[in-house]
N, C-alpha and C. Protein backbone atom coordinates (compact mmCIF):
# COMPACT_ATOMS: atom_id res chain seq x y z
N UNK A 1 0.84 -1.31 -0.01
CA UNK A 1 -0.08 0.24 0.17
C UNK A 1 0.79 1.30 0.01
N UNK A 2 0.35 2.30 -0.89
CA UNK A 2 1.14 3.44 -0.60
C UNK A 2 0.30 4.53 -0.89
N UNK A 3 0.38 5.74 0.21
CA UNK A 3 -0.36 6.68 -0.20
C UNK A 3 0.39 7.99 0.28
N UNK A 4 -0.12 9.46 0.23
CA UNK A 4 0.39 10.65 -0.06
C UNK A 4 -0.11 11.47 1.20
N UNK A 5 0.18 12.62 1.60
CA UNK A 5 -0.41 13.49 2.01
C UNK A 5 -1.59 14.16 1.21
N UNK A 6 -2.84 13.97 1.91
CA UNK A 6 -4.16 14.56 1.59
C UNK A 6 -4.71 13.29 0.91
N UNK A 7 -3.76 12.15 0.65
CA UNK A 7 -4.80 10.94 0.19
C UNK A 7 -5.88 10.70 1.32
N UNK A 8 -7.11 9.54 0.78
CA UNK A 8 -8.08 9.00 1.68
C UNK A 8 -7.86 7.68 2.14
N UNK A 9 -7.92 7.50 3.10
CA UNK A 9 -8.36 6.02 3.43
C UNK A 9 -9.38 5.97 3.90
N UNK A 10 -10.10 4.52 2.97
CA UNK A 10 -11.60 3.76 3.49
C UNK A 10 -11.18 2.96 3.77
N UNK A 11 -11.81 2.71 5.44
CA UNK A 11 -11.39 1.58 6.08
C UNK A 11 -13.22 0.92 6.46
N UNK A 12 -13.00 -0.29 5.37
CA UNK A 12 -14.56 -1.06 5.65
C UNK A 12 -14.69 -1.76 7.00
N UNK A 13 -15.97 -1.80 7.46
CA UNK A 13 -16.43 -2.16 8.67
C UNK A 13 -16.03 -3.65 8.48
N UNK A 14 -15.57 -4.17 9.41
CA UNK A 14 -15.28 -5.69 9.76
C UNK A 14 -16.66 -6.80 10.23
N UNK A 15 -17.74 -5.87 11.04
CA UNK A 15 -18.15 -6.67 11.42
C UNK A 15 -19.71 -5.94 11.13
N UNK A 16 -20.67 -7.02 11.38
CA UNK A 16 -21.90 -6.71 11.09
C UNK A 16 -22.34 -5.36 12.11
N UNK A 17 -22.75 -4.09 11.56
CA UNK A 17 -23.26 -3.34 12.09
C UNK A 17 -22.46 -2.23 12.22
N UNK A 18 -20.95 -2.51 11.75
CA UNK A 18 -19.62 -1.54 12.30
C UNK A 18 -19.81 -0.62 10.37
N UNK A 19 -19.79 0.38 10.48
CA UNK A 19 -20.04 1.55 9.21
C UNK A 19 -18.33 1.60 9.26
N UNK A 20 -18.42 1.77 7.46
CA UNK A 20 -17.27 2.21 7.21
C UNK A 20 -16.59 3.64 7.45
N UNK A 21 -15.34 4.11 7.95
CA UNK A 21 -14.89 5.22 8.15
C UNK A 21 -13.84 5.63 7.11
N UNK A 22 -13.68 6.80 6.88
CA UNK A 22 -12.71 7.38 6.29
C UNK A 22 -11.95 8.44 6.80
N UNK A 23 -10.48 8.29 6.64
CA UNK A 23 -9.58 9.03 7.10
C UNK A 23 -8.41 9.75 5.96
N UNK A 24 -7.91 10.99 6.20
CA UNK A 24 -7.31 11.89 5.58
C UNK A 24 -5.82 11.76 5.66
N UNK A 25 -4.77 11.22 5.21
CA UNK A 25 -3.63 11.15 5.63
C UNK A 25 -3.04 12.58 5.67
N UNK A 26 -2.28 12.86 7.18
CA UNK A 26 -2.00 13.79 7.42
C UNK A 26 -0.15 13.94 7.28
N UNK A 27 0.17 12.44 7.44
CA UNK A 27 1.87 12.60 7.66
C UNK A 27 1.76 11.01 6.62
N UNK A 28 3.00 10.72 6.15
CA UNK A 28 3.41 9.56 5.76
C UNK A 28 4.84 9.17 6.49
N UNK A 29 4.79 8.13 7.61
CA UNK A 29 5.45 7.85 8.52
C UNK A 29 6.98 7.20 7.45
N UNK A 30 6.52 5.98 6.68
CA UNK A 30 7.25 4.83 6.17
C UNK A 30 8.09 5.77 4.80
N UNK A 31 8.97 4.80 4.28
CA UNK A 31 9.59 5.35 3.20
C UNK A 31 8.76 5.16 1.85
N UNK A 32 8.76 5.85 0.73
CA UNK A 32 8.12 5.88 -0.37
C UNK A 32 6.57 5.59 -0.03
N UNK A 33 6.37 6.12 0.48
CA UNK A 33 4.67 6.23 0.83
C UNK A 33 3.88 5.10 1.52
N UNK A 34 5.05 4.36 2.28
CA UNK A 34 4.31 3.26 2.86
C UNK A 34 3.92 3.55 4.21
N UNK A 35 3.25 2.58 4.85
CA UNK A 35 2.70 2.90 6.06
C UNK A 35 3.87 3.00 6.60
N UNK A 36 3.89 3.33 8.26
CA UNK A 36 2.29 4.02 8.79
C UNK A 36 2.19 5.19 8.23
N UNK A 37 0.82 5.57 8.75
CA UNK A 37 0.36 6.65 8.29
C UNK A 37 -0.23 7.60 9.43
N UNK A 38 0.16 8.87 9.65
CA UNK A 38 -0.69 10.06 10.67
C UNK A 38 -2.11 10.02 9.77
N UNK A 39 -3.16 9.89 10.58
CA UNK A 39 -4.60 10.10 9.73
C UNK A 39 -5.29 10.90 10.79
N UNK A 40 -6.29 11.51 10.58
CA UNK A 40 -7.69 12.02 10.89
C UNK A 40 -8.71 11.58 10.21
N UNK A 41 -9.38 10.95 11.55
CA UNK A 41 -11.06 10.64 10.57
C UNK A 41 -11.78 11.76 10.56
N UNK A 42 -12.26 11.26 9.51
CA UNK A 42 -13.65 12.25 9.36
C UNK A 42 -15.02 12.49 10.09
N UNK A 43 -14.82 11.21 10.46
CA UNK A 43 -16.65 11.02 11.38
C UNK A 43 -15.88 11.56 12.84
N UNK A 44 -15.07 11.83 13.84
CA UNK A 44 -14.93 12.37 14.72
C UNK A 44 -13.86 13.01 14.92
N UNK A 45 -13.04 13.43 14.00
CA UNK A 45 -11.74 14.30 14.16
C UNK A 45 -10.82 13.89 15.21
N UNK A 46 -10.68 12.36 15.14
CA UNK A 46 -9.40 11.48 16.01
C UNK A 46 -8.46 11.48 15.50
N UNK A 47 -7.17 11.91 15.58
CA UNK A 47 -5.71 11.71 15.01
C UNK A 47 -5.28 10.76 15.55
N UNK A 48 -4.54 9.48 14.65
CA UNK A 48 -4.00 8.09 14.79
C UNK A 48 -2.95 7.92 13.85
N UNK A 49 -2.24 7.15 14.30
CA UNK A 49 -0.88 6.38 13.52
C UNK A 49 -1.55 5.17 13.45
N UNK A 50 -1.68 4.80 11.87
CA UNK A 50 -2.19 3.14 11.79
C UNK A 50 -1.72 3.16 10.70
N UNK A 51 -1.61 1.83 10.74
CA UNK A 51 -0.69 0.91 9.70
C UNK A 51 -1.99 -0.26 9.00
N UNK A 52 -2.63 0.17 8.15
CA UNK A 52 -4.00 -0.26 7.27
C UNK A 52 -3.72 -1.53 6.77
N UNK A 53 -4.44 -2.26 7.46
CA UNK A 53 -4.95 -3.72 6.76
C UNK A 53 -5.70 -4.17 5.73
N UNK A 54 -5.91 -5.20 5.10
CA UNK A 54 -6.42 -5.69 3.65
C UNK A 54 -8.09 -5.11 3.87
N UNK A 55 -8.46 -4.50 5.23
CA UNK A 55 -9.68 -3.95 4.51
C UNK A 55 -9.68 -2.13 4.59
N UNK A 56 -8.73 -2.19 3.72
CA UNK A 56 -8.40 -0.38 3.72
C UNK A 56 -7.88 -0.24 2.25
N UNK A 57 -9.09 0.51 1.59
CA UNK A 57 -8.48 1.06 0.62
C UNK A 57 -7.85 2.50 0.14
N UNK A 58 -7.20 2.83 -0.53
CA UNK A 58 -6.75 4.04 -0.93
C UNK A 58 -7.19 5.11 -1.83
N UNK A 59 -7.59 6.09 -1.43
CA UNK A 59 -8.52 6.75 -2.38
C UNK A 59 -7.17 8.18 -2.84
N UNK A 60 -6.48 8.10 -3.55
CA UNK A 60 -5.63 9.25 -4.37
C UNK A 60 -6.03 10.76 -4.22
N UNK A 61 -5.63 11.38 -4.06
CA UNK A 61 -6.08 12.84 -3.49
C UNK A 61 -6.20 12.90 -5.50
N UNK A 62 -7.37 13.86 -5.59
CA UNK A 62 -8.03 14.01 -6.75
C UNK A 62 -8.63 12.99 -7.57
N UNK A 63 -8.16 11.72 -7.03
CA UNK A 63 -9.34 10.75 -7.72
C UNK A 63 -10.99 10.67 -8.03
N UNK A 64 -11.31 10.65 -8.82
CA UNK A 64 -12.60 10.77 -8.81
C UNK A 64 -13.25 9.47 -8.03
N UNK A 65 -14.47 9.79 -7.29
CA UNK A 65 -15.15 8.90 -6.79
C UNK A 65 -16.21 8.17 -7.19
């Protein structure tokens, strides 16, 4: 997985009733766009350091939805 500052991570809910979440990449801590990423979640403004798993999709900045 590779992401850049400004990209959006879409984290799919893994259990029944858990909704998808989106987070904006604030900082890339790994080399060449690799995780971990400092992110800010859109739904509650929480900031976290995350290494996304297979349930996460990168939406690159400027990419059509």
